[in-house]
């Protein structure tokens, strides 16, 4: 049977599902984001709260991973092991970036800003809302560290259950972060690669106001 060679250079999609116009986009990027997020959830987009988090280490080496958005207030909130690689890099350099990619809607949202540790009360409330297995996992996993194997991890999880029981407290190394946005970009795919890109930047002249600009695709 002959094997078909797929030439990735020839894979193309002509985006045509929507448009993003200044007259319809909200002047406040947080409200615009909430609108798009609500539409992604309503459309049944898989993992609509999944976002790529980019951090940079002390040598300037960037790294990315996917985390889940768990709150929207004056910033974007997620939770993780704060002793992990991302936690250590945020501690050294809190300037980070997030990206949502809702493929089925041909939309991307990019956010840049400064990350801060979320309030302990907020982290406690979210931690205790999680399934017991996940709460024990936060105790069992030394995230980003080298481990002996899958069996070691399973044993650590079992041991965590024996030590902490059915009502474990939040581990001291596990908590939340809030990204305070300084810049947003909303991207909507369009035909012929003439995509819509609206960027919002904090405008010092307008206090807490935002300057909105259209970028070339």
Protein backbone atom coordinates (compact mmCIF):
# COMPACT_ATOMS: atom_id res chain seq x y z
CA UNK A 1 0.00 0.00 0.00
CA UNK A 2 1.48 3.31 -1.06
CA UNK A 3 2.06 5.84 1.70
CA UNK A 4 0.66 9.30 1.03
CA UNK A 5 3.11 12.07 1.80
CA UNK A 6 1.45 15.05 3.45
CA UNK A 7 3.13 18.31 2.53
CA UNK A 8 2.50 20.57 5.49
CA UNK A 9 3.58 23.58 3.43
CA UNK A 10 0.44 23.03 1.32
CA UNK A 11 -2.03 22.88 4.21
CA UNK A 12 -4.22 25.98 4.13
CA UNK A 13 -7.50 27.28 5.50
CA UNK A 14 -9.29 30.30 4.08
CA UNK A 15 -10.86 31.83 7.17
CA UNK A 16 -14.40 33.12 6.65
CA UNK A 17 -16.42 32.64 9.83
CA UNK A 18 -16.49 36.20 11.13
CA UNK A 19 -15.13 39.70 11.27
CA UNK A 20 -13.93 42.14 13.92
CA UNK A 21 -14.83 45.76 13.32
CA UNK A 22 -14.11 48.83 15.42
CA UNK A 23 -17.79 49.76 15.38
CA UNK A 24 -18.83 46.49 17.03
CA UNK A 25 -15.82 45.77 19.29
CA UNK A 26 -16.16 47.10 22.84
CA UNK A 27 -13.91 49.96 23.93
CA UNK A 28 -13.00 48.00 27.08
CA UNK A 29 -10.87 44.93 26.20
CA UNK A 30 -11.95 43.01 29.30
CA UNK A 31 -15.59 43.28 28.23
CA UNK A 32 -14.64 42.32 24.67
CA UNK A 33 -12.78 39.29 26.02
CA UNK A 34 -15.71 38.22 28.18
CA UNK A 35 -17.99 38.46 25.15
CA UNK A 36 -15.72 36.25 23.06
CA UNK A 37 -15.23 33.79 25.91
CA UNK A 38 -18.99 33.50 26.43
CA UNK A 39 -19.44 32.90 22.69
CA UNK A 40 -16.74 30.20 22.68
CA UNK A 41 -18.43 28.42 25.60
CA UNK A 42 -21.87 28.70 23.98
CA UNK A 43 -20.49 27.35 20.69
CA UNK A 44 -19.16 24.23 22.42
CA UNK A 45 -15.50 24.96 21.70
CA UNK A 46 -13.41 22.21 23.38
CA UNK A 47 -11.56 23.52 26.45
CA UNK A 48 -12.56 27.16 25.90
CA UNK A 49 -10.67 28.26 29.02
CA UNK A 50 -7.37 26.65 27.96
CA UNK A 51 -4.68 29.28 27.49
CA UNK A 52 -0.98 29.18 26.67
CA UNK A 53 1.12 30.84 29.36
CA UNK A 54 4.54 32.17 28.33
CA UNK A 55 7.25 33.00 30.88
CA UNK A 56 10.96 33.82 30.63
CA UNK A 57 13.81 32.54 32.81
CA UNK A 58 16.80 34.47 34.14
CA UNK A 59 18.78 33.74 30.96
CA UNK A 60 16.02 35.07 28.70
CA UNK A 61 14.87 31.61 27.61
CA UNK A 62 11.10 31.63 27.05
CA UNK A 63 8.90 28.64 27.80
CA UNK A 64 5.21 27.90 27.32
CA UNK A 65 2.61 25.57 28.75
CA UNK A 66 -1.18 25.33 28.76
CA UNK A 67 -3.09 26.30 31.91
CA UNK A 68 -6.81 26.80 32.53
CA UNK A 69 -8.47 30.13 33.18
CA UNK A 70 -10.38 29.91 36.46
CA UNK A 71 -11.48 33.48 37.08
CA UNK A 72 -12.00 36.88 35.48
CA UNK A 73 -12.08 40.00 37.65
CA UNK A 74 -9.70 42.91 37.19
CA UNK A 75 -7.35 40.35 35.66
CA UNK A 76 -7.18 36.72 34.50
CA UNK A 77 -6.72 34.09 37.23
CA UNK A 78 -5.27 30.57 37.12
CA UNK A 79 -3.92 28.10 39.70
CA UNK A 80 -0.82 25.95 39.82
CA UNK A 81 2.11 24.62 41.82
CA UNK A 82 4.10 27.76 42.60
CA UNK A 83 7.33 25.74 42.99
CA UNK A 84 7.05 24.63 39.35
CA UNK A 85 9.18 26.02 36.55
CA UNK A 86 6.54 28.59 35.66
CA UNK A 87 6.20 29.58 39.30
CA UNK A 88 9.93 30.12 39.70
CA UNK A 89 10.11 32.10 36.46
CA UNK A 90 7.17 34.32 37.42
CA UNK A 91 8.84 35.00 40.78
CA UNK A 92 11.99 36.15 38.97
CA UNK A 93 10.21 38.01 36.16
CA UNK A 94 6.46 38.65 36.53
CA UNK A 95 6.07 39.95 32.96
CA UNK A 96 4.18 37.16 31.18
CA UNK A 97 1.89 36.56 28.21
CA UNK A 98 -1.27 34.52 27.67
CA UNK A 99 -2.91 33.30 24.47
CA UNK A 100 -6.30 31.77 23.76
CA UNK A 101 -6.84 30.00 20.42
CA UNK A 102 -10.44 29.14 19.65
CA UNK A 103 -9.81 27.24 16.42
CA UNK A 104 -13.44 26.49 15.61
CA UNK A 105 -14.27 30.21 15.73
CA UNK A 106 -11.10 31.29 13.91
CA UNK A 107 -10.20 33.57 16.82
CA UNK A 108 -7.11 34.28 18.90
CA UNK A 109 -6.73 36.52 21.95
CA UNK A 110 -3.28 37.57 23.15
CA UNK A 111 -2.68 39.28 26.49
CA UNK A 112 0.53 40.72 27.92
CA UNK A 113 0.97 42.06 31.43
CA UNK A 114 2.27 41.48 34.92
CA UNK A 115 1.42 38.43 37.04
CA UNK A 116 0.87 38.66 40.78
CA UNK A 117 0.03 36.01 43.37
CA UNK A 118 -3.71 35.84 43.94
CA UNK A 119 -5.21 36.21 47.40
CA UNK A 120 -4.88 33.17 49.65
CA UNK A 121 -8.63 33.25 50.39
CA UNK A 122 -9.34 32.95 46.67
CA UNK A 123 -6.91 30.05 46.32
CA UNK A 124 -8.41 28.29 49.35
CA UNK A 125 -11.92 28.57 47.95
CA UNK A 126 -10.94 27.21 44.55
CA UNK A 127 -8.77 24.42 45.98
CA UNK A 128 -11.62 23.13 48.15
CA UNK A 129 -13.99 23.18 45.17
CA UNK A 130 -11.82 20.67 43.29
CA UNK A 131 -12.42 16.88 43.28
CA UNK A 132 -10.63 15.06 46.09
CA UNK A 133 -8.34 13.23 43.63
CA UNK A 134 -7.12 16.55 42.24
CA UNK A 135 -6.60 18.02 45.71
CA UNK A 136 -4.44 15.03 46.64
CA UNK A 137 -2.59 15.35 43.35
CA UNK A 138 -1.49 18.84 44.35
CA UNK A 139 0.22 17.29 47.38
CA UNK A 140 1.66 14.31 45.50
CA UNK A 141 3.27 15.96 42.47
CA UNK A 142 6.58 17.87 42.78
CA UNK A 143 5.72 19.62 39.53
CA UNK A 144 8.54 20.10 36.99
CA UNK A 145 10.97 17.96 38.99
CA UNK A 146 12.46 14.69 37.69
CA UNK A 147 10.75 11.62 39.19
CA UNK A 148 11.56 7.92 39.06
CA UNK A 149 8.52 6.92 37.01
CA UNK A 150 4.75 6.61 36.86
CA UNK A 151 4.69 4.09 39.69
CA UNK A 152 6.49 6.58 41.95
CA UNK A 153 3.84 9.21 41.21
CA UNK A 154 0.98 6.82 41.89
CA UNK A 155 2.56 5.80 45.18
CA UNK A 156 3.02 9.45 46.16
CA UNK A 157 -0.66 10.07 45.45
CA UNK A 158 -1.69 7.07 47.56
CA UNK A 159 0.57 8.26 50.37
CA UNK A 160 -0.94 11.75 50.17
CA UNK A 161 -4.37 10.22 50.64
CA UNK A 162 -3.18 8.29 53.68
CA UNK A 163 -1.61 11.40 55.21
CA UNK A 164 -4.26 14.02 54.44
CA UNK A 165 -7.47 11.99 54.32
CA UNK A 166 -10.67 13.18 52.69
CA UNK A 167 -10.31 16.83 53.70
CA UNK A 168 -6.79 17.93 52.75
CA UNK A 169 -5.79 21.54 53.29
CA UNK A 170 -4.34 23.56 50.42
CA UNK A 171 -0.60 22.86 50.08
CA UNK A 172 1.56 25.90 50.89
CA UNK A 173 3.23 25.64 47.46
CA UNK A 174 -0.07 25.62 45.52
CA UNK A 175 -1.97 28.79 44.72
CA UNK A 176 -3.22 31.27 42.19
CA UNK A 177 -1.89 33.96 39.89
CA UNK A 178 -3.63 36.96 38.40
CA UNK A 179 -2.41 38.55 35.19
CA UNK A 180 -3.03 42.29 35.16
CA UNK A 181 -3.23 43.12 31.46
CA UNK A 182 -1.26 45.94 29.89
CA UNK A 183 -1.90 44.99 26.29
CA UNK A 184 -4.52 42.92 24.44
CA UNK A 185 -4.85 41.76 20.85
CA UNK A 186 -8.02 40.30 19.35
CA UNK A 187 -7.50 38.37 16.10
CA UNK A 188 -10.28 37.24 13.79
CA UNK A 189 -9.41 35.18 10.73
CA UNK A 190 -10.55 36.64 7.41
CA UNK A 191 -10.39 35.65 3.73
CA UNK A 192 -7.18 36.00 1.73
CA UNK A 193 -5.15 36.32 4.94
CA UNK A 194 -6.50 39.85 5.41
CA UNK A 195 -7.21 39.12 9.07
CA UNK A 196 -8.71 41.56 11.55
CA UNK A 197 -6.37 42.52 14.40
CA UNK A 198 -7.38 45.01 17.08
CA UNK A 199 -4.81 45.93 19.73
CA UNK A 200 -5.62 47.64 23.03
CA UNK A 201 -2.88 49.37 25.01
CA UNK A 202 -3.09 51.21 28.29
CA UNK A 203 -3.05 54.90 27.51
CA UNK A 204 -1.12 56.93 30.12
CA UNK A 205 -2.84 60.06 28.92
CA UNK A 206 -6.24 58.57 29.71
CA UNK A 207 -5.54 57.21 33.18
CA UNK A 208 -6.98 53.71 33.15
CA UNK A 209 -8.28 54.13 29.59
CA UNK A 210 -7.32 52.02 26.60
CA UNK A 211 -5.99 53.05 23.20
CA UNK A 212 -7.38 50.86 20.42
CA UNK A 213 -5.47 50.38 17.18
CA UNK A 214 -5.87 48.24 14.08
CA UNK A 215 -2.80 46.21 13.10
CA UNK A 216 -1.93 44.95 9.65
CA UNK A 217 -2.35 41.16 9.36
